[in-house]
């Protein structure tokens, strides 16, 4: 025993045990910390799709789930859908109609031709034909045809953007 009442052999054993176990405890604590950080930083798993989507869901205005979808294509498709909807629900001859019609034909002959294919191309042509018919002789029938063409165009745009 020493003058202060402690046993040097006991102090040596505690120090030896601490030296032996400190690296093991450090590695274990580091491993637990790494696992915690890994799982905390991960995105939560995607939920299974609901059996029925809510009526207010609008896939055309949502950011695409597929990260490979070109953002410019998404923006052009969204604008085409919005312009078609405006034309289908605005009286012929109003300033809003004229602006939307001009933008539709710009998209039709320009930017849409870069991205459209298959069903979207077909639906753009059909909407353009319905637009011409409604402009030439506005009626409830041609307005209904234009609205249906707008709806079908929007669905084709949505389908092409879907993964």
Foldseek 3Di string as FASTA:
>chain_A
DDPVPDDVVVVVVVVVVCVVCVVVVVVVVVVVVVVVVVVVPDDPDDDDDDPDDDPPDQLLPDDFPDPVDDPVLSVLLSLLLVLLQQCLPDDPPDPSNVVSVVVLVCSLPPVVVVPDDDQLVVLSVQLVVLSVVCNVPPDPVSSVSSNVSSVSNSVVSSVVSHD
